[in-house]
Amino acid sequence: MALSDLFLINGREYEWADISLNVGGIDIKGFRNVNYKESQEKEPLHAKGNKPRSIQRGNKTYTGSLTFTQSEIIALKTAAGSLSLLDIKVDIIVAYTPENSAKIRVVTILGAEFTDIEEKMAQGDKFMEIELPFVALDIIAA
């Protein structure tokens, strides 16, 4: 079986309609974008000669962002009570759950903290989108 066969659902890729999002135990319906990234510092090690002898690895970093509609931000702020969204730590669960398929993929983003909240609208906008960038402790995919 090819690696690509593990992620195809009845011959197709996951699509936007397959994604569910849970932030801090709250099921989110009004999300417009989700992205997350794992990165690691890497540096070539040079010794004799002009070619690297190996690649040294350093710290890992987990970042991403969620984009919500304004009503979801209001609901999250209400759930946070007197705390700012910048002061809370949440686990984020992104589930890829296609209908009529047992091939479910769950990504858990552990200990996420939001770094910015910027609300803005411009003339002609029909609704407000608010992006919340975050840093996290780990990303686990199952």
N, C-alpha and C. Protein backbone atom coordinates (compact mmCIF):
# COMPACT_ATOMS: atom_id res chain seq x y z
N MET A 1 0.85 -1.18 0.00
CA MET A 1 0.00 0.00 0.00
C MET A 1 0.90 1.24 0.00
N ALA A 2 0.61 2.16 -0.88
CA ALA A 2 1.38 3.40 -0.97
C ALA A 2 0.99 4.34 0.16
N LEU A 3 1.94 5.18 0.57
CA LEU A 3 1.68 6.15 1.63
C LEU A 3 0.51 7.05 1.28
N SER A 4 0.38 7.43 0.02
CA SER A 4 -0.72 8.31 -0.39
C SER A 4 -2.09 7.63 -0.22
N ASP A 5 -2.13 6.29 -0.26
CA ASP A 5 -3.39 5.58 -0.08
C ASP A 5 -3.94 5.72 1.33
N LEU A 6 -3.06 5.98 2.29
CA LEU A 6 -3.49 6.12 3.68
C LEU A 6 -4.32 7.38 3.89
N PHE A 7 -4.15 8.39 3.05
CA PHE A 7 -4.81 9.67 3.26
C PHE A 7 -5.92 9.94 2.27
N LEU A 8 -6.11 9.07 1.30
CA LEU A 8 -7.21 9.25 0.36
C LEU A 8 -8.48 8.65 0.93
N ILE A 9 -9.59 9.30 0.73
CA ILE A 9 -10.88 8.84 1.19
C ILE A 9 -11.71 8.53 -0.04
N ASN A 10 -11.94 7.29 -0.28
CA ASN A 10 -12.68 6.89 -1.47
C ASN A 10 -12.11 7.57 -2.72
N GLY A 11 -10.78 7.64 -2.80
CA GLY A 11 -10.11 8.21 -3.96
C GLY A 11 -10.04 9.72 -3.98
N ARG A 12 -10.33 10.40 -2.86
CA ARG A 12 -10.27 11.85 -2.85
C ARG A 12 -9.52 12.34 -1.62
N GLU A 13 -9.12 13.59 -1.65
CA GLU A 13 -8.42 14.23 -0.55
C GLU A 13 -9.43 14.78 0.46
N TYR A 14 -8.95 15.09 1.67
CA TYR A 14 -9.82 15.80 2.62
C TYR A 14 -10.19 17.14 2.00
N GLU A 15 -11.37 17.64 2.35
CA GLU A 15 -11.80 18.94 1.86
C GLU A 15 -12.28 19.79 3.03
N TRP A 16 -12.53 21.05 2.77
CA TRP A 16 -12.89 22.00 3.82
C TRP A 16 -14.09 21.52 4.62
N ALA A 17 -15.07 20.94 3.97
CA ALA A 17 -16.28 20.48 4.66
C ALA A 17 -16.00 19.36 5.65
N ASP A 18 -14.84 18.70 5.55
CA ASP A 18 -14.49 17.59 6.44
C ASP A 18 -13.89 18.05 7.77
N ILE A 19 -13.57 19.34 7.91
CA ILE A 19 -12.82 19.81 9.07
C ILE A 19 -13.76 20.25 10.20
N SER A 20 -13.44 19.78 11.41
CA SER A 20 -14.10 20.25 12.63
C SER A 20 -13.03 20.88 13.50
N LEU A 21 -13.40 21.90 14.28
CA LEU A 21 -12.44 22.61 15.11
C LEU A 21 -12.98 22.75 16.52
N ASN A 22 -12.14 22.41 17.50
CA ASN A 22 -12.48 22.56 18.91
C ASN A 22 -11.36 23.34 19.57
N VAL A 23 -11.70 24.44 20.23
CA VAL A 23 -10.71 25.29 20.89
C VAL A 23 -11.05 25.35 22.38
N GLY A 24 -10.17 24.80 23.19
CA GLY A 24 -10.40 24.83 24.63
C GLY A 24 -11.70 24.19 25.06
N GLY A 25 -12.11 23.14 24.36
CA GLY A 25 -13.35 22.44 24.70
C GLY A 25 -14.59 23.04 24.06
N ILE A 26 -14.44 24.08 23.27
CA ILE A 26 -15.59 24.73 22.62
C ILE A 26 -15.59 24.35 21.14
N ASP A 27 -16.70 23.77 20.68
CA ASP A 27 -16.85 23.43 19.27
C ASP A 27 -17.07 24.72 18.49
N ILE A 28 -16.21 24.98 17.51
CA ILE A 28 -16.25 26.24 16.76
C ILE A 28 -16.90 25.99 15.39
N LYS A 29 -17.91 26.75 15.09
CA LYS A 29 -18.57 26.67 13.77
C LYS A 29 -18.12 27.80 12.85
N GLY A 30 -17.85 28.97 13.43
CA GLY A 30 -17.53 30.15 12.62
C GLY A 30 -16.04 30.34 12.42
N PHE A 31 -15.36 29.31 11.94
CA PHE A 31 -13.95 29.49 11.61
C PHE A 31 -13.78 29.49 10.10
N ARG A 32 -12.87 30.30 9.64
CA ARG A 32 -12.67 30.48 8.20
C ARG A 32 -11.32 29.98 7.71
N ASN A 33 -10.39 29.78 8.65
CA ASN A 33 -9.05 29.33 8.26
C ASN A 33 -8.39 28.68 9.47
N VAL A 34 -7.62 27.66 9.23
CA VAL A 34 -6.80 27.06 10.27
C VAL A 34 -5.47 26.67 9.63
N ASN A 35 -4.38 27.06 10.30
CA ASN A 35 -3.07 26.62 9.82
C ASN A 35 -2.17 26.41 11.01
N TYR A 36 -1.28 25.46 10.88
CA TYR A 36 -0.34 25.14 11.94
C TYR A 36 0.94 24.63 11.30
N LYS A 37 2.04 24.87 12.01
CA LYS A 37 3.34 24.56 11.43
C LYS A 37 4.30 24.09 12.52
N GLU A 38 5.06 23.06 12.20
CA GLU A 38 6.14 22.58 13.05
C GLU A 38 7.44 22.92 12.33
N SER A 39 8.35 23.55 13.04
CA SER A 39 9.64 23.87 12.42
C SER A 39 10.77 23.52 13.38
N GLN A 40 11.94 23.33 12.83
CA GLN A 40 13.11 23.00 13.64
C GLN A 40 14.32 23.73 13.08
N GLU A 41 15.12 24.29 14.01
CA GLU A 41 16.36 24.95 13.60
C GLU A 41 17.31 23.89 13.05
N LYS A 42 17.89 24.17 11.90
CA LYS A 42 18.88 23.25 11.30
C LYS A 42 20.00 24.07 10.73
N GLU A 43 21.19 23.54 10.88
CA GLU A 43 22.37 24.26 10.43
C GLU A 43 23.43 23.25 9.95
N PRO A 44 24.01 23.50 8.78
CA PRO A 44 25.07 22.60 8.33
C PRO A 44 26.32 22.76 9.21
N LEU A 45 26.96 21.62 9.51
CA LEU A 45 28.21 21.62 10.29
C LEU A 45 29.38 21.49 9.32
N HIS A 46 30.22 22.52 9.31
CA HIS A 46 31.39 22.50 8.45
C HIS A 46 32.62 22.13 9.26
N ALA A 47 33.49 21.39 8.63
CA ALA A 47 34.79 21.03 9.22
C ALA A 47 35.82 21.15 8.10
N LYS A 48 36.70 20.20 7.96
CA LYS A 48 37.71 20.24 6.89
C LYS A 48 37.02 20.26 5.53
N GLY A 49 37.51 21.08 4.63
CA GLY A 49 36.93 21.19 3.30
C GLY A 49 35.84 22.26 3.27
N ASN A 50 35.15 22.33 2.13
CA ASN A 50 34.13 23.37 1.98
C ASN A 50 32.71 22.82 1.92
N LYS A 51 32.54 21.52 2.14
CA LYS A 51 31.20 20.92 2.15
C LYS A 51 30.81 20.56 3.58
N PRO A 52 29.52 20.67 3.90
CA PRO A 52 29.10 20.30 5.25
C PRO A 52 29.30 18.81 5.50
N ARG A 53 29.62 18.48 6.75
CA ARG A 53 29.80 17.08 7.14
C ARG A 53 28.51 16.48 7.68
N SER A 54 27.64 17.34 8.21
CA SER A 54 26.37 16.87 8.74
C SER A 54 25.45 18.08 8.90
N ILE A 55 24.24 17.79 9.28
CA ILE A 55 23.29 18.85 9.60
C ILE A 55 22.93 18.71 11.07
N GLN A 56 23.18 19.77 11.82
CA GLN A 56 22.89 19.79 13.25
C GLN A 56 21.48 20.32 13.47
N ARG A 57 20.80 19.74 14.45
CA ARG A 57 19.42 20.12 14.74
C ARG A 57 19.32 20.85 16.06
N GLY A 58 18.43 21.84 16.08
CA GLY A 58 18.21 22.62 17.29
C GLY A 58 16.78 22.56 17.77
N ASN A 59 16.31 23.64 18.31
CA ASN A 59 14.98 23.71 18.92
C ASN A 59 13.86 23.54 17.90
N LYS A 60 12.77 22.94 18.36
CA LYS A 60 11.55 22.85 17.57
C LYS A 60 10.61 23.97 18.00
N THR A 61 9.81 24.47 17.07
CA THR A 61 8.84 25.52 17.33
C THR A 61 7.51 25.13 16.67
N TYR A 62 6.42 25.43 17.36
CA TYR A 62 5.08 25.12 16.85
C TYR A 62 4.28 26.42 16.81
N THR A 63 3.82 26.79 15.62
CA THR A 63 3.08 28.04 15.45
C THR A 63 1.89 27.80 14.53
N GLY A 64 1.03 28.80 14.45
CA GLY A 64 -0.10 28.71 13.54
C GLY A 64 -1.03 29.88 13.75
N SER A 65 -2.20 29.79 13.15
CA SER A 65 -3.22 30.81 13.36
C SER A 65 -4.59 30.23 13.05
N LEU A 66 -5.58 30.84 13.67
CA LEU A 66 -6.97 30.51 13.43
C LEU A 66 -7.66 31.80 13.00
N THR A 67 -8.54 31.70 12.03
CA THR A 67 -9.31 32.87 11.60
C THR A 67 -10.78 32.58 11.88
N PHE A 68 -11.39 33.50 12.65
CA PHE A 68 -12.77 33.34 13.09
C PHE A 68 -13.63 34.46 12.55
N THR A 69 -14.95 34.22 12.56
CA THR A 69 -15.89 35.31 12.35
C THR A 69 -16.01 36.07 13.67
N GLN A 70 -16.49 37.29 13.60
CA GLN A 70 -16.60 38.15 14.79
C GLN A 70 -17.45 37.50 15.88
N SER A 71 -18.53 36.84 15.52
CA SER A 71 -19.41 36.23 16.53
C SER A 71 -18.69 35.13 17.31
N GLU A 72 -17.80 34.41 16.68
CA GLU A 72 -17.03 33.37 17.39
C GLU A 72 -16.04 34.00 18.36
N ILE A 73 -15.43 35.11 17.97
CA ILE A 73 -14.52 35.80 18.88
C ILE A 73 -15.28 36.28 20.11
N ILE A 74 -16.48 36.82 19.91
CA ILE A 74 -17.30 37.28 21.04
C ILE A 74 -17.63 36.10 21.95
N ALA A 75 -17.96 34.94 21.37
CA ALA A 75 -18.27 33.75 22.17
C ALA A 75 -17.04 33.27 22.95
N LEU A 76 -15.87 33.30 22.32
CA LEU A 76 -14.63 32.90 23.01
C LEU A 76 -14.30 33.86 24.14
N LYS A 77 -14.47 35.17 23.88
CA LYS A 77 -14.21 36.16 24.94
C LYS A 77 -15.17 35.98 26.10
N THR A 78 -16.43 35.66 25.81
CA THR A 78 -17.41 35.41 26.86
C THR A 78 -17.01 34.19 27.68
N ALA A 79 -16.57 33.13 27.00
CA ALA A 79 -16.16 31.91 27.69
C ALA A 79 -14.92 32.14 28.55
N ALA A 80 -14.05 33.06 28.13
CA ALA A 80 -12.83 33.36 28.89
C ALA A 80 -13.12 34.19 30.14
N GLY A 81 -14.32 34.73 30.23
CA GLY A 81 -14.70 35.52 31.39
C GLY A 81 -13.91 36.81 31.47
N SER A 82 -13.30 37.06 32.61
CA SER A 82 -12.57 38.32 32.80
C SER A 82 -11.17 38.27 32.20
N LEU A 83 -10.73 37.10 31.72
CA LEU A 83 -9.40 36.99 31.12
C LEU A 83 -9.41 37.44 29.66
N SER A 84 -8.29 38.00 29.23
CA SER A 84 -8.11 38.30 27.82
C SER A 84 -7.80 36.99 27.09
N LEU A 85 -8.15 36.91 25.82
CA LEU A 85 -7.77 35.72 25.04
C LEU A 85 -6.26 35.57 24.98
N LEU A 86 -5.52 36.65 25.21
CA LEU A 86 -4.06 36.57 25.23
C LEU A 86 -3.53 35.93 26.50
N ASP A 87 -4.39 35.79 27.51
CA ASP A 87 -3.97 35.25 28.81
C ASP A 87 -4.33 33.78 29.02
N ILE A 88 -5.01 33.17 28.06
CA ILE A 88 -5.44 31.79 28.25
C ILE A 88 -4.57 30.83 27.46
N LYS A 89 -4.51 29.59 27.94
CA LYS A 89 -3.82 28.50 27.24
C LYS A 89 -4.87 27.47 26.90
N VAL A 90 -4.93 27.07 25.63
CA VAL A 90 -5.95 26.13 25.18
C VAL A 90 -5.31 25.02 24.36
N ASP A 91 -5.97 23.88 24.34
CA ASP A 91 -5.65 22.84 23.38
C ASP A 91 -6.59 23.03 22.20
N ILE A 92 -6.05 22.88 21.00
CA ILE A 92 -6.83 23.04 19.78
C ILE A 92 -6.88 21.68 19.10
N ILE A 93 -8.08 21.23 18.77
CA ILE A 93 -8.23 19.94 18.10
C ILE A 93 -8.81 20.19 16.72
N VAL A 94 -8.07 19.76 15.71
CA VAL A 94 -8.51 19.85 14.32
C VAL A 94 -8.80 18.42 13.87
N ALA A 95 -10.04 18.13 13.54
CA ALA A 95 -10.43 16.79 13.13
C ALA A 95 -10.88 16.80 11.68
N TYR A 96 -10.31 15.90 10.91
CA TYR A 96 -10.70 15.72 9.52
C TYR A 96 -11.62 14.50 9.51
N THR A 97 -12.93 14.76 9.39
CA THR A 97 -13.93 13.71 9.55
C THR A 97 -14.86 13.66 8.35
N PRO A 98 -14.46 13.00 7.29
CA PRO A 98 -15.32 12.93 6.12
C PRO A 98 -16.54 12.05 6.37
N GLU A 99 -17.65 12.42 5.75
CA GLU A 99 -18.86 11.61 5.86
C GLU A 99 -18.64 10.25 5.22
N ASN A 100 -19.27 9.24 5.78
CA ASN A 100 -19.25 7.88 5.23
C ASN A 100 -17.84 7.33 5.07
N SER A 101 -16.95 7.63 6.00
CA SER A 101 -15.60 7.09 5.92
C SER A 101 -15.06 6.88 7.33
N ALA A 102 -14.30 5.83 7.48
CA ALA A 102 -13.67 5.55 8.77
C ALA A 102 -12.30 6.21 8.87
N LYS A 103 -11.86 6.89 7.82
CA LYS A 103 -10.53 7.50 7.80
C LYS A 103 -10.56 8.88 8.42
N ILE A 104 -10.51 8.91 9.74
CA ILE A 104 -10.53 10.16 10.48
C ILE A 104 -9.11 10.49 10.90
N ARG A 105 -8.72 11.74 10.75
CA ARG A 105 -7.40 12.20 11.18
C ARG A 105 -7.62 13.30 12.20
N VAL A 106 -6.94 13.19 13.34
CA VAL A 106 -7.07 14.17 14.40
C VAL A 106 -5.71 14.78 14.68
N VAL A 107 -5.64 16.09 14.68
CA VAL A 107 -4.43 16.83 15.02
C VAL A 107 -4.72 17.59 16.31
N THR A 108 -3.89 17.36 17.33
CA THR A 108 -4.05 18.05 18.60
C THR A 108 -2.89 19.02 18.78
N ILE A 109 -3.22 20.27 18.96
CA ILE A 109 -2.23 21.32 19.19
C ILE A 109 -2.28 21.62 20.68
N LEU A 110 -1.20 21.26 21.37
CA LEU A 110 -1.18 21.32 22.83
C LEU A 110 -0.67 22.66 23.35
N GLY A 111 -1.34 23.18 24.37
CA GLY A 111 -0.88 24.36 25.09
C GLY A 111 -0.73 25.60 24.23
N ALA A 112 -1.67 25.84 23.35
CA ALA A 112 -1.60 27.01 22.47
C ALA A 112 -1.93 28.29 23.23
N GLU A 113 -1.18 29.34 22.93
CA GLU A 113 -1.47 30.67 23.47
C GLU A 113 -1.49 31.65 22.31
N PHE A 114 -2.54 32.46 22.27
CA PHE A 114 -2.68 33.45 21.20
C PHE A 114 -1.72 34.61 21.45
N THR A 115 -1.16 35.14 20.38
CA THR A 115 -0.15 36.20 20.49
C THR A 115 -0.67 37.58 20.09
N ASP A 116 -1.71 37.65 19.28
CA ASP A 116 -2.25 38.93 18.80
C ASP A 116 -3.75 38.80 18.58
N ILE A 117 -4.44 39.90 18.79
CA ILE A 117 -5.85 40.00 18.41
C ILE A 117 -6.02 41.34 17.72
N GLU A 118 -6.34 41.30 16.44
CA GLU A 118 -6.56 42.54 15.70
C GLU A 118 -7.92 42.46 15.03
N GLU A 119 -8.79 43.38 15.39
CA GLU A 119 -10.11 43.45 14.77
C GLU A 119 -10.12 44.62 13.80
N LYS A 120 -10.58 44.37 12.58
CA LYS A 120 -10.63 45.46 11.59
C LYS A 120 -11.71 45.16 10.57
N MET A 121 -12.23 46.21 10.01
CA MET A 121 -13.18 46.12 8.91
C MET A 121 -12.91 47.28 7.97
N ALA A 122 -13.29 47.09 6.73
CA ALA A 122 -13.11 48.13 5.72
C ALA A 122 -14.44 48.33 4.98
N GLN A 123 -14.56 49.45 4.33
CA GLN A 123 -15.76 49.76 3.57
C GLN A 123 -16.02 48.62 2.59
N GLY A 124 -17.24 48.17 2.53
CA GLY A 124 -17.63 47.11 1.61
C GLY A 124 -17.58 45.71 2.21
N ASP A 125 -16.96 45.56 3.38
CA ASP A 125 -16.91 44.24 4.03
C ASP A 125 -18.32 43.82 4.43
N LYS A 126 -18.61 42.55 4.26
CA LYS A 126 -19.92 42.00 4.63
C LYS A 126 -19.90 41.38 6.02
N PHE A 127 -18.72 41.05 6.51
CA PHE A 127 -18.56 40.49 7.85
C PHE A 127 -17.10 40.70 8.26
N MET A 128 -16.84 40.48 9.56
CA MET A 128 -15.49 40.66 10.07
C MET A 128 -14.82 39.30 10.26
N GLU A 129 -13.59 39.18 9.77
CA GLU A 129 -12.74 38.03 10.03
C GLU A 129 -11.62 38.47 10.96
N ILE A 130 -11.35 37.66 11.97
CA ILE A 130 -10.32 38.00 12.94
C ILE A 130 -9.35 36.84 13.02
N GLU A 131 -8.08 37.13 12.74
CA GLU A 131 -7.04 36.10 12.79
C GLU A 131 -6.37 36.13 14.16
N LEU A 132 -6.23 34.96 14.76
CA LEU A 132 -5.54 34.82 16.03
C LEU A 132 -4.30 33.95 15.83
N PRO A 133 -3.12 34.57 15.69
CA PRO A 133 -1.90 33.77 15.62
C PRO A 133 -1.61 33.14 16.99
N PHE A 134 -0.94 31.98 16.98
CA PHE A 134 -0.62 31.33 18.24
C PHE A 134 0.75 30.67 18.20
N VAL A 135 1.28 30.42 19.39
CA VAL A 135 2.44 29.55 19.59
C VAL A 135 1.93 28.41 20.45
N ALA A 136 2.57 27.24 20.32
CA ALA A 136 2.09 26.07 21.05
C ALA A 136 3.26 25.25 21.57
N LEU A 137 2.94 24.30 22.43
CA LEU A 137 3.96 23.43 23.01
C LEU A 137 4.27 22.22 22.16
N ASP A 138 3.27 21.71 21.42
CA ASP A 138 3.49 20.52 20.60
C ASP A 138 2.32 20.37 19.64
N ILE A 139 2.54 19.63 18.58
CA ILE A 139 1.49 19.25 17.64
C ILE A 139 1.57 17.75 17.47
N ILE A 140 0.45 17.07 17.78
CA ILE A 140 0.42 15.62 17.70
C ILE A 140 -0.65 15.21 16.70
N ALA A 141 -0.27 14.45 15.69
CA ALA A 141 -1.22 13.99 14.67
C ALA A 141 -1.46 12.50 14.86
N ALA A 142 -2.72 12.12 14.81
CA ALA A 142 -3.06 10.70 14.94
C ALA A 142 -4.03 10.29 13.85
